[in-house]
C-alpha atoms as a PDB file:
ATOM      1  CA  MET A   1    -107.902 -44.102  61.566  1.00  0.00           C
ATOM      2  CA  HIS A   2    -108.798 -41.290  63.950  1.00  0.00           C
ATOM      3  CA  ASP A   3    -112.146 -39.486  64.002  1.00  0.00           C
ATOM      4  CA  GLY A   4    -112.866 -40.906  60.557  1.00  0.00           C
ATOM      5  CA  ARG A   5    -109.590 -39.582  59.138  1.00  0.00           C
ATOM      6  CA  LEU A   6    -106.605 -41.501  57.865  1.00  0.00           C
ATOM      7  CA  PHE A   7    -103.150 -40.827  59.225  1.00  0.00           C
ATOM      8  CA  THR A   8    -100.484 -39.730  56.752  1.00  0.00           C
ATOM      9  CA  HIS A   9     -97.098 -41.224  57.553  1.00  0.00           C
ATOM     10  CA  PRO A  10     -94.448 -38.511  58.090  1.00  0.00           C
ATOM     11  CA  THR A  11     -92.327 -40.127  55.371  1.00  0.00           C
ATOM     12  CA  LEU A  12     -95.095 -39.499  52.840  1.00  0.00           C
ATOM     13  CA  ALA A  13     -95.509 -35.936  54.042  1.00  0.00           C
ATOM     14  CA  ARG A  14     -91.758 -35.400  53.631  1.00  0.00           C
ATOM     15  CA  LYS A  15     -91.868 -36.896  50.130  1.00  0.00           C
ATOM     16  CA  ARG A  16     -94.672 -34.537  49.164  1.00  0.00           C
ATOM     17  CA  PHE A  17     -92.702 -31.589  50.569  1.00  0.00           C
ATOM     18  CA  CYS A  18     -89.716 -32.607  48.421  1.00  0.00           C
ATOM     19  CA  GLU A  19     -91.973 -32.667  45.359  1.00  0.00           C
ATOM     20  CA  ILE A  20     -93.320 -29.192  46.144  1.00  0.00           C
ATOM     21  CA  ALA A  21     -89.822 -27.807  46.773  1.00  0.00           C
ATOM     22  CA  ALA A  22     -88.682 -29.116  43.376  1.00  0.00           C
ATOM     23  CA  ARG A  23     -91.327 -27.164  41.482  1.00  0.00           C
ATOM     24  CA  PRO A  24     -90.368 -24.072  39.475  1.00  0.00           C
ATOM     25  CA  GLU A  25     -90.604 -20.957  41.618  1.00  0.00           C
ATOM     26  CA  PRO A  26     -93.726 -19.449  39.951  1.00  0.00           C
ATOM     27  CA  SER A  27     -95.749 -22.637  40.422  1.00  0.00           C
ATOM     28  CA  LEU A  28     -94.793 -23.244  44.052  1.00  0.00           C
ATOM     29  CA  ASP A  29     -98.048 -22.855  46.000  1.00  0.00           C
ATOM     30  CA  LEU A  30     -97.346 -21.413  49.452  1.00  0.00           C
ATOM     31  CA  VAL A  31    -100.613 -22.559  50.980  1.00  0.00           C
ATOM     32  CA  GLU A  32    -100.114 -26.140  49.834  1.00  0.00           C
ATOM     33  CA  GLY A  33     -96.456 -26.105  50.870  1.00  0.00           C
ATOM     34  CA  SER A  34     -97.285 -24.717  54.301  1.00  0.00           C
ATOM     35  CA  LEU A  35    -100.032 -27.270  54.838  1.00  0.00           C
ATOM     36  CA  VAL A  36     -97.655 -30.086  53.919  1.00  0.00           C
ATOM     37  CA  ILE A  37     -95.258 -28.728  56.544  1.00  0.00           C
ATOM     38  CA  ALA A  38     -98.134 -28.933  59.023  1.00  0.00           C
ATOM     39  CA  LEU A  39     -99.010 -32.438  57.809  1.00  0.00           C
ATOM     40  CA  GLU A  40     -95.645 -33.785  58.911  1.00  0.00           C
ATOM     41  CA  GLU A  41     -96.284 -32.271  62.346  1.00  0.00           C
ATOM     42  CA  ASP A  42     -99.841 -33.626  62.565  1.00  0.00           C
ATOM     43  CA  PRO A  43    -100.528 -36.681  60.361  1.00  0.00           C
ATOM     44  CA  ARG A  44    -104.305 -36.385  60.971  1.00  0.00           C
ATOM     45  CA  LEU A  45    -104.663 -33.204  58.908  1.00  0.00           C
ATOM     46  CA  ASP A  46    -107.042 -33.184  55.980  1.00  0.00           C
ATOM     47  CA  ILE A  47    -105.135 -30.896  53.616  1.00  0.00           C
ATOM     48  CA  ASP A  48    -107.787 -31.017  50.915  1.00  0.00           C
ATOM     49  CA  ARG A  49    -110.366 -29.601  53.304  1.00  0.00           C
ATOM     50  CA  TYR A  50    -108.163 -26.585  54.034  1.00  0.00           C
ATOM     51  CA  LEU A  51    -107.350 -26.056  50.358  1.00  0.00           C
ATOM     52  CA  THR A  52    -111.028 -26.202  49.418  1.00  0.00           C
ATOM     53  CA  GLN A  53    -111.865 -23.669  52.112  1.00  0.00           C
ATOM     54  CA  PHE A  54    -109.090 -21.319  50.996  1.00  0.00           C
ATOM     55  CA  ASP A  55    -110.026 -21.678  47.335  1.00  0.00           C
ATOM     56  CA  GLY A  56    -113.586 -20.707  48.266  1.00  0.00           C
ATOM     57  CA  TRP A  57    -112.422 -17.453  49.829  1.00  0.00           C
ATOM     58  CA  SER A  58    -110.171 -16.761  46.845  1.00  0.00           C
ATOM     59  CA  ALA A  59    -113.079 -17.376  44.453  1.00  0.00           C
ATOM     60  CA  ALA A  60    -115.163 -14.879  46.422  1.00  0.00           C
ATOM     61  CA  VAL A  61    -112.422 -12.282  45.989  1.00  0.00           C
ATOM     62  CA  ARG A  62    -112.284 -12.886  42.224  1.00  0.00           C
ATOM     63  CA  GLN A  63    -116.061 -12.680  41.948  1.00  0.00           C
ATOM     64  CA  ARG A  64    -116.129  -9.277  43.604  1.00  0.00           C
ATOM     65  CA  LEU A  65    -113.290  -8.005  41.423  1.00  0.00           C
ATOM     66  CA  GLU A  66    -115.189  -8.895  38.241  1.00  0.00           C
ATOM     67  CA  GLY A  67    -111.969  -9.309  36.299  1.00  0.00           C
ATOM     68  CA  SER A  68    -110.278  -6.159  37.615  1.00  0.00           C
ATOM     69  CA  LEU A  69    -106.527  -6.366  38.252  1.00  0.00           C
ATOM     70  CA  ASP A  70    -106.407  -3.038  40.046  1.00  0.00           C
ATOM     71  CA  VAL A  71    -104.196  -3.655  43.068  1.00  0.00           C
ATOM     72  CA  GLU A  72    -106.041  -1.249  45.335  1.00  0.00           C
ATOM     73  CA  ARG A  73    -109.303  -3.059  44.594  1.00  0.00           C
ATOM     74  CA  ILE A  74    -107.629  -6.417  45.196  1.00  0.00           C
ATOM     75  CA  VAL A  75    -106.273  -5.261  48.555  1.00  0.00           C
ATOM     76  CA  GLU A  76    -109.672  -3.896  49.511  1.00  0.00           C
ATOM     77  CA  SER A  77    -111.446  -7.116  48.510  1.00  0.00           C
ATOM     78  CA  ILE A  78    -108.981  -9.388  50.302  1.00  0.00           C
ATOM     79  CA  ASN A  79    -109.146  -7.256  53.424  1.00  0.00           C
ATOM     80  CA  ARG A  80    -112.922  -7.346  53.440  1.00  0.00           C
ATOM     81  CA  ILE A  81    -113.141 -11.134  53.094  1.00  0.00           C
ATOM     82  CA  LEU A  82    -110.112 -12.189  55.102  1.00  0.00           C
ATOM     83  CA  PHE A  83    -110.304  -9.751  57.999  1.00  0.00           C
ATOM     84  CA  ASP A  84    -113.792  -8.218  58.083  1.00  0.00           C
ATOM     85  CA  GLU A  85    -115.915 -11.222  57.135  1.00  0.00           C
ATOM     86  CA  GLU A  86    -113.771 -14.192  58.184  1.00  0.00           C
ATOM     87  CA  GLY A  87    -112.284 -12.426  61.201  1.00  0.00           C
ATOM     88  CA  PHE A  88    -108.617 -13.297  60.696  1.00  0.00           C
ATOM     89  CA  HIS A  89    -106.341 -11.319  62.983  1.00  0.00           C
ATOM     90  CA  GLY A  90    -102.764 -11.184  64.175  1.00  0.00           C
ATOM     91  CA  GLU A  91    -101.863 -13.013  67.337  1.00  0.00           C
ATOM     92  CA  ASP A  92     -98.352 -13.589  68.660  1.00  0.00           C
ATOM     93  CA  GLU A  93     -98.902 -14.297  72.348  1.00  0.00           C
ATOM     94  CA  ASP A  94     -97.720 -17.884  71.808  1.00  0.00           C
ATOM     95  CA  TYR A  95     -94.822 -17.011  69.513  1.00  0.00           C
ATOM     96  CA  TYR A  96     -92.850 -20.030  70.726  1.00  0.00           C
ATOM     97  CA  ASP A  97     -95.756 -22.432  70.553  1.00  0.00           C
ATOM     98  CA  PRO A  98     -94.969 -24.562  67.463  1.00  0.00           C
ATOM     99  CA  ARG A  99     -98.641 -24.638  66.523  1.00  0.00           C
ATOM    100  CA  SER A 100     -98.600 -20.882  65.931  1.00  0.00           C
ATOM    101  CA  ALA A 101     -96.109 -21.377  63.081  1.00  0.00           C
ATOM    102  CA  LEU A 102     -98.415 -23.831  61.299  1.00  0.00           C
ATOM    103  CA  LEU A 103    -100.805 -22.569  58.641  1.00  0.00           C
ATOM    104  CA  SER A 104    -103.375 -25.185  59.640  1.00  0.00           C
ATOM    105  CA  ASP A 105    -103.558 -23.627  63.103  1.00  0.00           C
ATOM    106  CA  THR A 106    -104.014 -20.168  61.584  1.00  0.00           C
ATOM    107  CA  LEU A 107    -106.858 -21.497  59.424  1.00  0.00           C
ATOM    108  CA  ASP A 108    -108.462 -23.244  62.398  1.00  0.00           C
ATOM    109  CA  ARG A 109    -108.326 -20.268  64.756  1.00  0.00           C
ATOM    110  CA  HIS A 110    -108.460 -17.449  62.182  1.00  0.00           C
ATOM    111  CA  ALA A 111    -105.484 -15.990  64.018  1.00  0.00           C
ATOM    112  CA  GLY A 112    -101.780 -16.236  63.381  1.00  0.00           C
ATOM    113  CA  LEU A 113     -98.283 -14.868  63.098  1.00  0.00           C
ATOM    114  CA  PRO A 114     -97.196 -12.360  60.432  1.00  0.00           C
ATOM    115  CA  ILE A 115     -95.673 -15.121  58.286  1.00  0.00           C
ATOM    116  CA  THR A 116     -98.784 -17.332  58.142  1.00  0.00           C
ATOM    117  CA  LEU A 117    -101.161 -14.423  57.549  1.00  0.00           C
ATOM    118  CA  SER A 118     -98.846 -13.123  54.821  1.00  0.00           C
ATOM    119  CA  ILE A 119     -98.864 -16.528  53.113  1.00  0.00           C
ATOM    120  CA  LEU A 120    -102.662 -16.394  52.930  1.00  0.00           C
ATOM    121  CA  TYR A 121    -102.503 -12.835  51.578  1.00  0.00           C
ATOM    122  CA  ILE A 122     -99.873 -13.607  48.938  1.00  0.00           C
ATOM    123  CA  GLU A 123    -101.680 -16.679  47.625  1.00  0.00           C
ATOM    124  CA  MET A 124    -105.071 -14.993  47.644  1.00  0.00           C
ATOM    125  CA  SER A 125    -103.541 -12.178  45.576  1.00  0.00           C
ATOM    126  CA  ARG A 126    -102.063 -14.647  43.105  1.00  0.00           C
ATOM    127  CA  ARG A 127    -105.401 -16.379  42.687  1.00  0.00           C
ATOM    128  CA  ALA A 128    -106.872 -12.940  41.945  1.00  0.00           C
ATOM    129  CA  GLY A 129    -104.331 -12.505  39.136  1.00  0.00           C
ATOM    130  CA  VAL A 130    -101.714 -10.261  40.760  1.00  0.00           C
ATOM    131  CA  GLU A 131     -98.342 -11.351  42.132  1.00  0.00           C
ATOM    132  CA  ALA A 132     -97.272 -10.185  45.573  1.00  0.00           C
ATOM    133  CA  THR A 133     -94.270 -11.097  47.669  1.00  0.00           C
ATOM    134  CA  GLY A 134     -93.227 -11.094  51.273  1.00  0.00           C
ATOM    135  CA  VAL A 135     -90.763  -8.583  52.699  1.00  0.00           C
ATOM    136  CA  SER A 136     -89.055  -8.501  56.071  1.00  0.00           C
ATOM    137  CA  LEU A 137     -88.551  -5.089  57.645  1.00  0.00           C
ATOM    138  CA  ALA A 138     -86.839  -4.951  61.031  1.00  0.00           C
ATOM    139  CA  GLY A 139     -88.486  -8.143  62.174  1.00  0.00           C
ATOM    140  CA  ARG A 140     -91.889  -7.388  60.666  1.00  0.00           C
ATOM    141  CA  PHE A 141     -93.135  -9.581  57.827  1.00  0.00           C
ATOM    142  CA  LEU A 142     -95.190  -7.644  55.277  1.00  0.00           C
ATOM    143  CA  VAL A 143     -96.627  -8.115  51.790  1.00  0.00           C
ATOM    144  CA  LYS A 144     -95.509  -5.998  48.829  1.00  0.00           C
ATOM    145  CA  PHE A 145     -97.144  -5.337  45.464  1.00  0.00           C
ATOM    146  CA  THR A 146     -94.988  -3.838  42.713  1.00  0.00           C
ATOM    147  CA  GLY A 147     -96.065  -2.430  39.345  1.00  0.00           C
ATOM    148  CA  ALA A 148     -96.479   0.680  37.221  1.00  0.00           C
ATOM    149  CA  PHE A 149     -98.189   2.224  40.252  1.00  0.00           C
ATOM    150  CA  GLY A 150     -94.988   1.892  42.266  1.00  0.00           C
ATOM    151  CA  GLU A 151     -95.100  -0.135  45.482  1.00  0.00           C
ATOM    152  CA  ILE A 152     -97.902  -0.916  47.895  1.00  0.00           C
ATOM    153  CA  VAL A 153     -96.936  -2.509  51.206  1.00  0.00           C
ATOM    154  CA  VAL A 154     -99.596  -4.224  53.301  1.00  0.00           C
ATOM    155  CA  ASP A 155     -99.428  -5.490  56.883  1.00  0.00           C
ATOM    156  CA  PRO A 156    -101.622  -8.630  57.149  1.00  0.00           C
ATOM    157  CA  PHE A 157    -100.850  -8.821  60.862  1.00  0.00           C
ATOM    158  CA  ASP A 158    -102.630  -5.477  61.233  1.00  0.00           C
ATOM    159  CA  GLY A 159    -105.779  -6.324  59.299  1.00  0.00           C
ATOM    160  CA  GLY A 160    -104.307  -5.576  55.874  1.00  0.00           C
ATOM    161  CA  HIS A 161    -103.350  -2.004  56.731  1.00  0.00           C
ATOM    162  CA  VAL A 162    -101.650  -0.266  53.782  1.00  0.00           C
ATOM    163  CA  MET A 163     -98.376   1.121  55.083  1.00  0.00           C
ATOM    164  CA  THR A 164     -97.282   4.670  54.298  1.00  0.00           C
ATOM    165  CA  THR A 165     -93.634   5.555  53.779  1.00  0.00           C
ATOM    166  CA  PRO A 166     -93.487   7.391  57.152  1.00  0.00           C
ATOM    167  CA  GLU A 167     -94.930   4.293  58.852  1.00  0.00           C
ATOM    168  CA  LEU A 168     -92.310   2.085  57.230  1.00  0.00           C
ATOM    169  CA  GLN A 169     -89.618   4.522  58.314  1.00  0.00           C
ATOM    170  CA  ALA A 170     -91.020   4.468  61.853  1.00  0.00           C
ATOM    171  CA  ILE A 171     -90.471   0.696  61.968  1.00  0.00           C
ATOM    172  CA  LEU A 172     -86.798   1.236  61.137  1.00  0.00           C
ATOM    173  CA  ASP A 173     -86.562   4.095  63.633  1.00  0.00           C
ATOM    174  CA  ALA A 174     -87.922   1.883  66.401  1.00  0.00           C
ATOM    175  CA  MET A 175     -85.272  -0.714  65.600  1.00  0.00           C
ATOM    176  CA  TYR A 176     -82.266   1.528  64.899  1.00  0.00           C
ATOM    177  CA  GLY A 177     -83.021   4.703  66.812  1.00  0.00           C
ATOM    178  CA  GLY A 178     -83.426   6.875  63.728  1.00  0.00           C
ATOM    179  CA  GLY A 179     -79.994   6.114  62.320  1.00  0.00           C
ATOM    180  CA  VAL A 180     -81.144   4.198  59.224  1.00  0.00           C
ATOM    181  CA  ARG A 181     -83.107   5.693  56.342  1.00  0.00           C
ATOM    182  CA  LEU A 182     -85.582   3.567  54.410  1.00  0.00           C
ATOM    183  CA  ARG A 183     -84.016   2.277  51.188  1.00  0.00           C
ATOM    184  CA  GLU A 184     -85.121  -0.038  48.398  1.00  0.00           C
ATOM    185  CA  GLN A 185     -83.058  -2.919  49.801  1.00  0.00           C
ATOM    186  CA  HIS A 186     -85.097  -2.838  53.014  1.00  0.00           C
ATOM    187  CA  LEU A 187     -88.125  -3.954  51.010  1.00  0.00           C
ATOM    188  CA  ARG A 188     -86.414  -6.700  49.032  1.00  0.00           C
ATOM    189  CA  GLY A 189     -88.918  -9.364  48.041  1.00  0.00           C
ATOM    190  CA  PHE A 190     -88.589 -12.943  49.230  1.00  0.00           C
ATOM    191  CA  THR A 191     -88.802 -15.878  46.848  1.00  0.00           C
ATOM    192  CA  ARG A 192     -91.455 -18.492  47.564  1.00  0.00           C
ATOM    193  CA  ARG A 193     -88.816 -20.916  48.835  1.00  0.00           C
ATOM    194  CA  GLN A 194     -87.480 -18.236  51.139  1.00  0.00           C
ATOM    195  CA  ILE A 195     -90.971 -17.678  52.530  1.00  0.00           C
ATOM    196  CA  LEU A 196     -91.388 -21.389  53.274  1.00  0.00           C
ATOM    197  CA  ALA A 197     -87.910 -21.323  54.809  1.00  0.00           C
ATOM    198  CA  ARG A 198     -88.956 -18.436  57.020  1.00  0.00           C
ATOM    199  CA  GLU A 199     -91.932 -20.465  58.216  1.00  0.00           C
ATOM    200  CA  LEU A 200     -89.747 -23.486  58.926  1.00  0.00           C
ATOM    201  CA  ALA A 201     -87.216 -21.308  60.758  1.00  0.00           C
ATOM    202  CA  GLN A 202     -89.995 -20.118  63.058  1.00  0.00           C
ATOM    203  CA  LEU A 203     -91.046 -23.726  63.631  1.00  0.00           C
ATOM    204  CA  LYS A 204     -87.443 -24.687  64.356  1.00  0.00           C
ATOM    205  CA  ALA A 205     -87.084 -21.857  66.890  1.00  0.00           C
ATOM    206  CA  ALA A 206     -90.285 -22.903  68.640  1.00  0.00           C
ATOM    207  CA  TYR A 207     -89.154 -26.502  68.961  1.00  0.00           C
ATOM    208  CA  LEU A 208     -85.718 -25.473  70.201  1.00  0.00           C
ATOM    209  CA  ALA A 209     -87.390 -23.336  72.874  1.00  0.00           C
ATOM    210  CA  GLN A 210     -89.243 -26.466  73.990  1.00  0.00           C
ATOM    211  CA  ARG A 211     -86.102 -28.622  73.748  1.00  0.00           C
ATOM    212  CA  ASP A 212     -87.867 -30.873  71.230  1.00  0.00           C
ATOM    213  CA  LEU A 213     -84.708 -31.837  69.385  1.00  0.00           C
ATOM    214  CA  THR A 214     -86.277 -34.422  67.098  1.00  0.00           C
ATOM    215  CA  ARG A 215     -88.815 -32.007  65.648  1.00  0.00           C
ATOM    216  CA  ALA A 216     -86.273 -29.169  65.523  1.00  0.00           C
ATOM    217  CA  ALA A 217     -84.018 -31.464  63.485  1.00  0.00           C
ATOM    218  CA  ALA A 218     -86.909 -32.319  61.169  1.00  0.00           C
ATOM    219  CA  SER A 219     -87.452 -28.597  60.600  1.00  0.00           C
ATOM    220  CA  VAL A 220     -83.783 -28.157  59.695  1.00  0.00           C
ATOM    221  CA  ASP A 221     -83.934 -31.155  57.355  1.00  0.00           C
ATOM    222  CA  ARG A 222     -86.756 -29.468  55.437  1.00  0.00           C
ATOM    223  CA  LEU A 223     -84.864 -26.179  55.397  1.00  0.00           C
ATOM    224  CA  LEU A 224     -82.015 -28.047  53.727  1.00  0.00           C
ATOM    225  CA  ILE A 225     -84.413 -29.514  51.167  1.00  0.00           C
ATOM    226  CA  LEU A 226     -85.194 -25.920  50.208  1.00  0.00           C
ATOM    227  CA  ASP A 227     -81.514 -24.914  50.162  1.00  0.00           C
ATOM    228  CA  ALA A 228     -78.937 -27.669  50.542  1.00  0.00           C
ATOM    229  CA  ARG A 229     -76.127 -25.076  50.552  1.00  0.00           C
ATOM    230  CA  ASP A 230     -77.317 -23.172  53.611  1.00  0.00           C
ATOM    231  CA  ALA A 231     -74.158 -23.546  55.683  1.00  0.00           C
ATOM    232  CA  SER A 232     -75.633 -22.197  58.903  1.00  0.00           C
ATOM    233  CA  GLU A 233     -78.427 -24.772  58.805  1.00  0.00           C
ATOM    234  CA  VAL A 234     -75.949 -27.556  58.023  1.00  0.00           C
ATOM    235  CA  ARG A 235     -73.943 -26.515  61.111  1.00  0.00           C
ATOM    236  CA  ASP A 236     -77.110 -26.345  63.227  1.00  0.00           C
ATOM    237  CA  ARG A 237     -78.082 -29.804  62.018  1.00  0.00           C
ATOM    238  CA  ALA A 238     -74.687 -31.078  63.108  1.00  0.00           C
ATOM    239  CA  ALA A 239     -75.125 -29.531  66.556  1.00  0.00           C
ATOM    240  CA  LEU A 240     -78.549 -31.127  66.913  1.00  0.00           C
ATOM    241  CA  ALA A 241     -77.146 -34.505  65.850  1.00  0.00           C
ATOM    242  CA  VAL A 242     -74.526 -34.225  68.617  1.00  0.00           C
ATOM    243  CA  GLN A 243     -77.212 -33.506  71.206  1.00  0.00           C
ATOM    244  CA  MET A 244     -79.211 -36.475  69.892  1.00  0.00           C
ATOM    245  CA  HIS A 245     -76.075 -38.707  70.114  1.00  0.00           C
ATOM    246  CA  ALA A 246     -76.169 -39.310  66.357  1.00  0.00           C
ATOM    247  CA  TYR A 247     -72.427 -38.827  66.094  1.00  0.00           C
ATOM    248  CA  ALA A 248     -71.871 -40.270  62.621  1.00  0.00           C
ATOM    249  CA  GLN A 249     -74.483 -37.903  61.235  1.00  0.00           C
ATOM    250  CA  ALA A 250     -72.934 -35.023  63.183  1.00  0.00           C
ATOM    251  CA  ILE A 251     -69.523 -35.710  61.625  1.00  0.00           C
ATOM    252  CA  GLU A 252     -71.079 -35.866  58.165  1.00  0.00           C
ATOM    253  CA  CYS A 253     -72.813 -32.523  58.682  1.00  0.00           C
ATOM    254  CA  PHE A 254     -69.741 -30.846  60.154  1.00  0.00           C
ATOM    255  CA  GLU A 255     -67.677 -32.036  57.170  1.00  0.00           C
ATOM    256  CA  ARG A 256     -70.341 -30.745  54.802  1.00  0.00           C
ATOM    257  CA  TYR A 257     -70.226 -27.393  56.622  1.00  0.00           C
ATOM    258  CA  LEU A 258     -66.477 -27.146  56.061  1.00  0.00           C
ATOM    259  CA  GLU A 259     -66.956 -27.964  52.376  1.00  0.00           C
ATOM    260  CA  LEU A 260     -69.428 -25.102  52.086  1.00  0.00           C
ATOM    261  CA  MET A 261     -67.410 -22.722  54.294  1.00  0.00           C
ATOM    262  CA  PRO A 262     -63.713 -23.627  53.956  1.00  0.00           C
ATOM    263  CA  HIS A 263     -62.677 -20.245  55.366  1.00  0.00           C
ATOM    264  CA  ALA A 264     -65.232 -20.061  58.182  1.00  0.00           C
ATOM    265  CA  GLU A 265     -64.020 -18.352  61.340  1.00  0.00           C
ATOM    266  CA  ASP A 266     -65.003 -21.391  63.393  1.00  0.00           C
ATOM    267  CA  ARG A 267     -63.322 -23.944  61.105  1.00  0.00           C
ATOM    268  CA  SER A 268     -60.648 -24.870  63.687  1.00  0.00           C
ATOM    269  CA  ARG A 269     -63.267 -25.501  66.352  1.00  0.00           C
ATOM    270  CA  VAL A 270     -65.355 -27.540  63.927  1.00  0.00           C
ATOM    271  CA  ARG A 271     -62.334 -29.683  62.985  1.00  0.00           C
ATOM    272  CA  GLU A 272     -61.682 -30.265  66.690  1.00  0.00           C
ATOM    273  CA  ARG A 273     -65.251 -31.458  67.163  1.00  0.00           C
ATOM    274  CA  ILE A 274     -64.951 -33.804  64.191  1.00  0.00           C
ATOM    275  CA  ALA A 275     -61.726 -35.244  65.634  1.00  0.00           C
ATOM    276  CA  TRP A 276     -63.263 -35.656  69.089  1.00  0.00           C
ATOM    277  CA  LEU A 277     -66.397 -37.338  67.760  1.00  0.00           C
ATOM    278  CA  SER A 278     -64.355 -39.637  65.511  1.00  0.00           C
ATOM    279  CA  ALA A 279     -62.116 -40.650  68.411  1.00  0.00           C
ATOM    280  CA  TRP A 280     -65.138 -41.330  70.621  1.00  0.00           C
ATOM    281  CA  MET A 281     -66.700 -43.534  67.971  1.00  0.00           C
ATOM    282  CA  ASP A 282     -63.442 -45.444  67.470  1.00  0.00           C
ATOM    283  CA  GLN A 283     -63.265 -46.166  71.191  1.00  0.00           C
ATOM    284  CA  ASN A 284     -66.871 -47.223  71.484  1.00  0.00           C
END
């Protein structure tokens, strides 16, 4: 026990993440899933306290809407509560601090990265009765509403600003120098699993920047729970296993990679690594 709170063993946190990942897509709660990710990183977290707090804000949004499902009203209400009253704001100064990728840290500090703020926005919208999804545009993570009204794109990192088409085009122009026109595919919606994967990918990158191989590997393991056929993550997991001297696991992952990508450009190099690791293990 610590400060009156029980520790949750990482194994239990991982089991709960597996249960969440197995849910049907519409019932996968991004706030709960993100908090369970954070729970494995910090076993002292009281997830129920965060969920109760978030549900309170969501209830306040619904109360102000009085049953309305008008998206503009929902955006206005969320913006007022989340950004004006609660003071949430975008902050990316510590982009490679693992804590910044955790929703619990965003809820504690009322500041976060585009992905964590978007998760709050998407789930608050769902609790208000309207589905929204995340979209990635030239490195920016935004929230999109789609319906008979067309599309509304919101930037939670910028206080819930509703993006105009010229503003969206300007993002592409800044990235590609004006050579790419905004198309429908640029605003393709992410599934809920893909959003959790995006969060875990950010966590993985932060741990790699700190050379924390054990936690980077744990991030990859959870990415593979979300999508066991993600060949690039399987290959990355193999590389991490090599660095951690877990050679049997590295061989297993490299072989799995070749099963998923039999015609990969690096297949010869991967086979060489398998042969080298196998020979080393035979000699030791």
